[in-house]
Structure formats: structure tokens, C-alpha cells
Amino acid sequence: MTEDRDLSTEFEEVVTPEELKSLKPGGTEGYIGFEPSGIPHIATGILWPRKINRLVDSGIRMRVLLADWHAMVNDKLDGDLARIRESGETIRRCMKAQGLYGEVEFVWASELVASSDYWGLLLQVAKNSNLSRIRRSLPIMGRSEEEADRDFSKYIYPLMQVTDIFYMKLDVAVGGMDQRHAHMLARDIAEKMDVKKPVSLHGPLLGSLKGSGRMDNFKKMSKSDPDSAIFMSDSPETVKRKIRSAFCPQGVVDGNPLAEIMRHLVIPYLGHEVTVDRPAAKGGPLSIRSYHEFESLYASGKIHPMDLKEAVASALNEMMEPSRSVFS
């Protein structure tokens, strides 16, 4: 790999770091998949284009899978493929407007499934798994076992994700922490099929603006609850309104969705210092250069929640500006 291949600070988990370092520069194939299901929020629209670019900089040839068939199986947009494809095109245009490198290839799942070889491979994947293991993978699509029991196509979804990886002959599978089950399933099945195991890179999930919770109670931004997320189509005024009403306990960073946005999105990717415009009576403006600095200031009470909210809203609106024409 290139000398720039240390991705430990970019991702929450690398499975495994040793395998990642062993990949040869220039010949590494990676992908990340998105299920088109409406207007993208700031994780898809802002966070992931920058992380994908970082992967390209490190020597990985990246593809973005617009998982239209997966979205259909998962009943997104009422399973209407035409609407799903429109949503996927919106994701593509938004990511490009946010600076995604031109060499990143977009692939539709419908292109993959058009081949009989894909379904032959899926059957091999199925023969090397079992129902119990597939059941444990259902959280990747936000579904319960009870829902899958009523609609058996839900059990095919994890098999499709594994087949996507094998069919495209990928070295690296990228996704949020919610995709960990699928990637571990792929690694387990790869060992049984004697094919290369994908290195798995797991990025952060942005928590609900209403309160992200902690550990196994984590609540992420959700399209089903518009006020839980910032959408790339939100106007500057809507962004300010949502941020001002967001859960933001004073002096607490754990489980604080605005602290998470600062950590994972604003501080690393804004492109300049973050300004917190405190009143003169409270010490005046602050320039934040690192998350460690922010965490220390906020935990000690030197940044008030309202001042943090104004800073986050201003930074997000600045970052969203390049892609606003996509939704105008």
C-alpha cells in the first residue's frame, strides 16, 4: 500500500489492519454501497464523499454501488424501482457536487443482477451459510426476524450483499458500523468458499438530533423522522431550526449528536478552523483546531450549548452549499 495507507483515524474499525497493510498498491479494489431511499442526509452527502476520496488517495480503486434492487427488497420508496433509481441518481449528483473524485465508478445493483453468473454465485454463497447466520445479519437492513418471516425476500438481502463483494472481486468492503454484520458474514463465507476475504472498513454513524443514545440503544439519523436528521435538500433556515432544537446537554459529549457532528464531520472536513462565536462576556470567539480541543472546552463548560449549535449550523450550511443546486 502507499505510505498514506494508515486509515485508523478515518474509520471506527478496520478488519484487519494487518490484512489492509498487506494489500498491494495500485491493484486494490474497494466499494461502498448505498440503498437509494429518498433525499440523502449529511452522512451520505458530506461525510462519505470525503472518506471515499481518502481511500482513493491511499491507493484503493473505489466503486459506489447504488443498491436499487436491495432498496426494492427492503421496501424503500414502496419498492418502486423507477423512484429508487431517481433517488440513486440524486445521491450520485450530490456526491459529485461535494467533490467526489471523478475516477470513482458508480455501479447499479440492477447491472450486477442482470447476469446469470451473479445468481449462480449467490446460490454458492447460500450453500455456505445457514438460516441462523442470516438471521443475525438482518440488522444491516433495519429489519427484525418477525418482518423477515412475513417476507422471505428479506433473507435474500444479506446474501446479495455478500454476493456483490464476491462478484465484483473486491479486496475492501466499506460501510458504516451498521454494515458490520454483512461484512463479517462475507468474511466467514469467503473462508468456506476458499476465496479472498474482504478487508472491512467501518465508518461512524451520525446520531439522531433528538438524542443518539449509547451503546446498544444508539439511534441514528433517520429518513423516517425528518427532524432527526439534516438532509442535503434542507435550506439554511431549516438547518438552523433543526440544530437549534437538537438534543445538546451542557458539558456532555457522550451521546451528544452535535458533538458527534463536530468530531466526525465538521472538524476533520470543514477545511479551516471552526469558529465558536461566544459573547464577549463569556470570553469572546474561539477557534477550534482539533476535536480534543473542542471536547476539553465543551466538557469544562467554556462552550455553551447555544454557541455550539450556532457554530455547527454555520459550518454545515457552508459545507452543504456546493450541492444545493442539485435540489434547487
Protein backbone atom coordinates (compact mmCIF):
# COMPACT_ATOMS: atom_id res chain seq x y z
CA MET A 1 0.00 0.00 0.00
CA THR A 2 1.04 3.63 -0.18
CA GLU A 3 2.69 5.35 2.75
CA ASP A 4 -0.63 7.17 3.14
CA ARG A 5 -2.50 3.91 3.85
CA ASP A 6 -2.86 4.33 7.63
CA LEU A 7 -6.64 4.71 7.80
CA SER A 8 -7.04 4.05 11.51
CA THR A 9 -8.01 7.67 12.23
CA GLU A 10 -10.56 7.72 9.40
CA PHE A 11 -12.58 4.67 10.46
CA GLU A 12 -14.06 3.30 13.64
CA GLU A 13 -12.86 -0.21 12.85
CA VAL A 14 -10.51 -1.94 10.39
CA VAL A 15 -10.83 -5.73 10.00
CA THR A 16 -7.97 -6.36 9.95
CA PRO A 17 -5.18 -3.72 9.95
CA GLU A 18 -2.61 -6.38 9.08
CA GLU A 19 -4.61 -7.52 6.03
CA LEU A 20 -5.06 -3.92 4.89
CA LYS A 21 -1.32 -3.26 5.02
CA SER A 22 -0.63 -6.42 3.03
CA LEU A 23 -2.67 -5.27 0.01
CA LYS A 24 -0.62 -4.21 -2.99
CA PRO A 25 -0.76 -0.57 -4.09
CA GLY A 26 -2.39 0.12 -7.43
CA GLY A 27 -4.33 -3.13 -7.62
CA THR A 28 -6.71 -2.86 -4.69
CA GLU A 29 -10.45 -2.84 -5.44
CA GLY A 30 -12.93 -1.46 -2.94
CA TYR A 31 -16.57 -0.48 -2.73
CA ILE A 32 -19.26 1.09 -0.61
CA GLY A 33 -22.98 0.55 -1.17
CA PHE A 34 -25.87 2.95 -0.66
CA GLU A 35 -29.52 1.99 -0.65
CA PRO A 36 -31.40 4.78 -2.50
CA SER A 37 -34.36 5.62 -0.32
CA GLY A 38 -35.02 9.34 -0.67
CA ILE A 39 -33.03 12.53 -0.17
CA PRO A 40 -29.58 11.76 1.31
CA HIS A 41 -28.69 13.18 4.69
CA ILE A 42 -25.34 14.72 5.64
CA ALA A 43 -23.58 11.40 6.28
CA THR A 44 -24.18 10.19 2.72
CA GLY A 45 -23.91 13.65 1.20
CA ILE A 46 -20.92 15.14 3.01
CA LEU A 47 -19.11 12.58 5.16
CA TRP A 48 -18.80 9.67 2.73
CA PRO A 49 -17.58 11.53 -0.38
CA ARG A 50 -14.63 12.76 1.67
CA LYS A 51 -13.88 9.36 3.15
CA ILE A 52 -14.11 7.74 -0.29
CA ASN A 53 -11.64 10.32 -1.63
CA ARG A 54 -9.33 9.49 1.25
CA LEU A 55 -9.47 5.81 0.25
CA VAL A 56 -8.64 6.72 -3.35
CA ASP A 57 -5.70 8.81 -2.12
CA SER A 58 -4.42 5.75 -0.27
CA GLY A 59 -4.35 3.69 -3.47
CA ILE A 60 -7.74 1.94 -3.46
CA ARG A 61 -9.81 1.96 -6.66
CA MET A 62 -13.28 2.71 -5.29
CA ARG A 63 -16.76 1.94 -6.63
CA VAL A 64 -20.06 3.22 -5.28
CA LEU A 65 -22.83 0.62 -5.56
CA LEU A 66 -26.25 2.22 -5.95
CA ALA A 67 -28.18 -0.69 -4.48
CA ASP A 68 -31.50 -0.30 -6.26
CA TRP A 69 -32.51 -3.96 -6.05
CA HIS A 70 -31.59 -4.04 -2.37
CA ALA A 71 -33.80 -0.99 -1.77
CA MET A 72 -36.64 -2.71 -3.62
CA VAL A 73 -36.31 -5.83 -1.44
CA ASN A 74 -36.23 -3.56 1.62
CA ASP A 75 -39.50 -1.85 0.54
CA LYS A 76 -37.87 1.57 0.23
CA LEU A 77 -39.96 4.10 -1.73
CA ASP A 78 -42.73 1.45 -1.85
CA GLY A 79 -40.40 -0.84 -3.80
CA ASP A 80 -40.85 1.35 -6.92
CA LEU A 81 -37.65 0.85 -8.95
CA ALA A 82 -38.22 4.00 -11.00
CA ARG A 83 -38.38 6.16 -7.87
CA ILE A 84 -35.49 4.26 -6.32
CA ARG A 85 -33.32 4.90 -9.39
CA GLU A 86 -34.26 8.59 -9.30
CA SER A 87 -33.10 8.66 -5.67
CA GLY A 88 -29.87 6.89 -6.63
CA GLU A 89 -29.18 9.46 -9.33
CA THR A 90 -29.70 12.20 -6.74
CA ILE A 91 -27.12 10.55 -4.49
CA ARG A 92 -24.65 10.40 -7.39
CA ARG A 93 -25.14 14.06 -8.34
CA CYS A 94 -24.91 15.18 -4.71
CA MET A 95 -21.69 13.28 -4.05
CA LYS A 96 -20.14 14.66 -7.24
CA ALA A 97 -21.12 18.19 -6.25
CA GLN A 98 -19.47 17.60 -2.87
CA GLY A 99 -16.15 16.89 -4.57
CA LEU A 100 -16.14 13.12 -5.04
CA TYR A 101 -13.26 12.25 -7.33
CA GLY A 102 -14.10 11.68 -10.99
CA GLU A 103 -12.35 8.31 -11.07
CA VAL A 104 -14.81 6.82 -8.57
CA GLU A 105 -17.10 4.49 -10.52
CA PHE A 106 -20.85 4.26 -9.90
CA VAL A 107 -22.45 0.84 -10.41
CA TRP A 108 -26.15 -0.05 -10.21
CA ALA A 109 -27.11 -3.30 -8.50
CA SER A 110 -29.50 -3.89 -11.39
CA GLU A 111 -26.45 -4.15 -13.67
CA LEU A 112 -24.96 -6.88 -11.50
CA VAL A 113 -28.12 -8.95 -11.12
CA ALA A 114 -28.68 -8.96 -14.89
CA SER A 115 -26.03 -11.69 -15.15
CA SER A 116 -26.86 -15.36 -14.55
CA ASP A 117 -23.33 -15.68 -13.10
CA TYR A 118 -24.43 -13.38 -10.25
CA TRP A 119 -27.29 -15.69 -9.27
CA GLY A 120 -25.11 -18.77 -9.64
CA LEU A 121 -22.65 -17.20 -7.23
CA LEU A 122 -25.47 -16.23 -4.86
CA LEU A 123 -26.52 -19.88 -4.69
CA GLN A 124 -22.96 -20.84 -3.76
CA VAL A 125 -22.99 -18.17 -1.05
CA ALA A 126 -26.31 -19.53 0.25
CA LYS A 127 -24.98 -23.10 0.33
CA ASN A 128 -22.15 -21.92 2.56
CA SER A 129 -24.36 -20.19 5.11
CA ASN A 130 -27.38 -21.15 7.21
CA LEU A 131 -30.62 -19.57 8.35
CA SER A 132 -29.38 -18.83 11.85
CA ARG A 133 -26.38 -16.91 10.50
CA ILE A 134 -28.54 -14.98 8.04
CA ARG A 135 -30.97 -14.06 10.82
CA ARG A 136 -28.12 -12.45 12.75
CA SER A 137 -27.36 -10.27 9.70
CA LEU A 138 -30.84 -8.75 9.38
CA PRO A 139 -29.94 -5.55 11.32
CA ILE A 140 -27.95 -4.40 8.23
CA MET A 141 -31.28 -3.58 6.59
CA GLY A 142 -33.03 -2.34 9.72
CA ARG A 143 -35.37 -5.32 9.83
CA SER A 144 -36.40 -7.79 12.51
CA GLU A 145 -36.72 -11.55 12.26
CA GLU A 146 -40.50 -11.20 12.51
CA GLU A 147 -40.57 -8.96 9.43
CA ALA A 148 -38.37 -11.39 7.50
CA ASP A 149 -40.61 -14.30 8.46
CA ARG A 150 -43.52 -12.46 6.80
CA ASP A 151 -41.48 -11.66 3.67
CA PHE A 152 -38.79 -14.22 2.86
CA SER A 153 -37.10 -11.90 0.34
CA LYS A 154 -35.61 -10.11 3.37
CA TYR A 155 -33.44 -13.18 4.00
CA ILE A 156 -32.02 -12.88 0.47
CA TYR A 157 -30.77 -9.36 1.16
CA PRO A 158 -27.66 -10.33 3.22
CA LEU A 159 -26.83 -12.99 0.61
CA MET A 160 -26.95 -10.28 -2.06
CA GLN A 161 -24.54 -8.10 -0.13
CA VAL A 162 -22.06 -10.95 0.17
CA THR A 163 -22.53 -11.83 -3.50
CA ASP A 164 -21.92 -8.19 -4.50
CA ILE A 165 -18.49 -8.35 -2.86
CA PHE A 166 -17.51 -11.67 -4.40
CA TYR A 167 -18.97 -10.92 -7.85
CA MET A 168 -17.00 -7.66 -8.16
CA LYS A 169 -13.88 -9.45 -6.84
CA LEU A 170 -13.32 -6.81 -4.18
CA ASP A 171 -10.42 -6.55 -1.76
CA VAL A 172 -12.03 -3.96 0.51
CA ALA A 173 -15.65 -3.53 1.71
CA VAL A 174 -16.52 -0.15 3.20
CA GLY A 175 -19.60 0.94 5.13
CA GLY A 176 -20.96 2.34 8.35
CA MET A 177 -20.77 0.39 11.58
CA ASP A 178 -24.30 -0.84 10.83
CA GLN A 179 -22.88 -2.88 7.93
CA ARG A 180 -20.51 -4.86 10.13
CA HIS A 181 -22.77 -7.93 10.19
CA ALA A 182 -22.77 -8.15 6.38
CA HIS A 183 -19.01 -7.78 6.14
CA MET A 184 -18.34 -10.39 8.81
CA LEU A 185 -20.76 -12.72 7.03
CA ALA A 186 -18.78 -12.18 3.81
CA ARG A 187 -15.51 -12.95 5.57
CA ASP A 188 -16.93 -16.14 7.12
CA ILE A 189 -18.35 -17.39 3.83
CA ALA A 190 -15.18 -16.45 1.91
CA GLU A 191 -13.21 -18.76 4.18
CA LYS A 192 -15.61 -21.63 3.48
CA MET A 193 -15.57 -20.98 -0.28
CA ASP A 194 -11.80 -20.54 -0.33
CA VAL A 195 -11.96 -17.07 -1.89
CA LYS A 196 -10.23 -13.92 -0.66
CA LYS A 197 -11.71 -12.39 2.45
CA PRO A 198 -12.58 -8.70 2.08
CA VAL A 199 -10.82 -6.26 4.39
CA SER A 200 -13.63 -4.36 6.16
CA LEU A 201 -13.54 -0.65 6.93
CA HIS A 202 -16.34 0.65 9.15
CA GLY A 203 -17.09 4.34 9.44
CA PRO A 204 -19.08 6.20 12.09
CA LEU A 205 -22.83 6.60 12.26
CA LEU A 206 -24.25 10.06 12.92
CA GLY A 207 -26.72 10.02 15.79
CA SER A 208 -30.29 11.32 15.78
CA LEU A 209 -30.56 15.03 16.50
CA LYS A 210 -33.18 14.12 19.11
CA GLY A 211 -30.60 12.15 21.08
CA SER A 212 -28.37 9.39 19.82
CA GLY A 213 -28.42 7.21 22.93
CA ARG A 214 -25.46 5.00 23.78
CA MET A 215 -24.15 1.55 23.01
CA ASP A 216 -26.95 -0.90 22.10
CA ASN A 217 -29.56 1.88 22.41
CA PHE A 218 -27.97 4.00 19.66
CA LYS A 219 -30.38 5.93 17.43
CA LYS A 220 -29.02 7.18 14.13
CA MET A 221 -30.27 9.89 11.80
CA SER A 222 -33.34 8.50 10.06
CA LYS A 223 -35.33 9.46 6.96
CA SER A 224 -38.47 8.23 8.73
CA ASP A 225 -38.11 11.05 11.27
CA PRO A 226 -37.26 14.26 9.38
CA ASP A 227 -36.32 16.22 12.50
CA SER A 228 -33.79 13.56 13.50
CA ALA A 229 -31.55 14.32 10.52
CA ILE A 230 -30.12 17.09 8.37
CA PHE A 231 -30.98 16.39 4.74
CA MET A 232 -28.91 17.68 1.85
CA SER A 233 -32.01 19.46 0.50
CA ASP A 234 -32.60 21.39 3.75
CA SER A 235 -32.48 25.17 3.37
CA PRO A 236 -30.07 27.18 5.56
CA GLU A 237 -33.04 28.25 7.68
CA THR A 238 -34.20 24.63 8.12
CA VAL A 239 -30.68 23.57 9.12
CA LYS A 240 -30.58 26.30 11.76
CA ARG A 241 -34.03 25.34 13.07
CA LYS A 242 -33.20 21.65 13.37
CA ILE A 243 -29.84 22.30 15.03
CA ARG A 244 -31.31 24.81 17.49
CA SER A 245 -33.88 22.25 18.66
CA ALA A 246 -31.36 19.37 18.77
CA PHE A 247 -30.53 17.47 21.94
CA CYS A 248 -27.33 19.02 23.32
CA PRO A 249 -26.72 18.56 27.06
CA GLN A 250 -24.38 21.12 28.57
CA GLY A 251 -20.86 19.83 29.26
CA VAL A 252 -21.65 16.32 27.91
CA VAL A 253 -20.10 14.96 24.71
CA ASP A 254 -21.01 11.26 25.00
CA GLY A 255 -24.34 10.71 23.27
CA ASN A 256 -24.44 14.35 22.18
CA PRO A 257 -25.32 14.38 18.45
CA LEU A 258 -23.81 17.82 17.86
CA ALA A 259 -20.53 16.76 19.44
CA GLU A 260 -20.58 13.75 17.10
CA ILE A 261 -21.10 16.02 14.09
CA MET A 262 -18.15 18.13 15.24
CA ARG A 263 -15.99 15.04 15.70
CA HIS A 264 -16.79 13.12 12.53
CA LEU A 265 -17.71 15.79 10.01
CA VAL A 266 -17.08 19.45 10.82
CA ILE A 267 -13.62 19.45 12.41
CA PRO A 268 -11.94 16.99 10.02
CA TYR A 269 -13.58 18.19 6.79
CA LEU A 270 -14.63 21.86 7.06
CA GLY A 271 -11.28 22.91 5.60
CA HIS A 272 -10.48 25.61 8.15
CA GLU A 273 -10.70 26.30 11.87
CA VAL A 274 -14.15 26.12 13.43
CA THR A 275 -15.28 29.40 14.94
CA VAL A 276 -17.43 29.35 18.07
CA ASP A 277 -18.80 32.88 18.38
CA ARG A 278 -19.17 33.29 22.14
CA PRO A 279 -20.40 36.60 23.61
CA ALA A 280 -17.68 38.96 24.83
CA ALA A 281 -18.95 38.48 28.38
CA LYS A 282 -18.23 34.75 28.05
CA GLY A 283 -14.72 35.15 26.68
CA GLY A 284 -15.36 36.06 23.05
CA PRO A 285 -14.88 33.97 19.91
CA LEU A 286 -12.97 30.69 19.94
CA SER A 287 -11.11 28.99 17.08
CA ILE A 288 -11.21 25.20 17.32
CA ARG A 289 -8.41 23.25 15.61
CA SER A 290 -8.98 19.70 16.86
CA TYR A 291 -11.66 17.53 18.39
CA HIS A 292 -9.56 17.04 21.51
CA GLU A 293 -9.51 20.81 21.97
CA PHE A 294 -13.26 21.06 21.43
CA GLU A 295 -14.04 18.20 23.82
CA SER A 296 -11.96 19.78 26.57
CA LEU A 297 -13.58 23.19 26.14
CA TYR A 298 -17.13 21.83 25.98
CA ALA A 299 -16.74 19.41 28.89
CA SER A 300 -15.37 22.20 31.06
CA GLY A 301 -18.32 24.46 30.31
CA LYS A 302 -16.34 27.02 28.28
CA ILE A 303 -18.65 26.48 25.29
CA HIS A 304 -22.39 26.90 25.90
CA PRO A 305 -24.79 24.58 24.02
CA MET A 306 -26.37 27.53 22.19
CA ASP A 307 -22.97 28.72 21.00
CA LEU A 308 -22.15 25.19 19.83
CA LYS A 309 -25.45 25.00 17.96
CA GLU A 310 -24.76 28.24 16.12
CA ALA A 311 -21.26 27.03 15.19
CA VAL A 312 -22.49 23.64 13.92
CA ALA A 313 -25.33 25.18 11.89
CA SER A 314 -22.97 27.71 10.30
CA ALA A 315 -20.38 25.04 9.44
CA LEU A 316 -22.94 22.64 7.98
CA ASN A 317 -24.52 25.33 5.83
CA GLU A 318 -21.10 26.21 4.48
CA MET A 319 -20.34 22.56 3.70
CA MET A 320 -23.74 21.94 2.09
CA GLU A 321 -23.55 24.94 -0.23
CA PRO A 322 -21.74 23.26 -3.19
CA SER A 323 -24.54 20.71 -3.64
CA ARG A 324 -27.58 22.93 -3.01
CA SER A 325 -28.07 23.41 -6.75
CA VAL A 326 -28.82 19.66 -7.02
CA PHE A 327 -32.01 20.23 -5.00
CA SER A 328 -32.99 23.72 -6.15
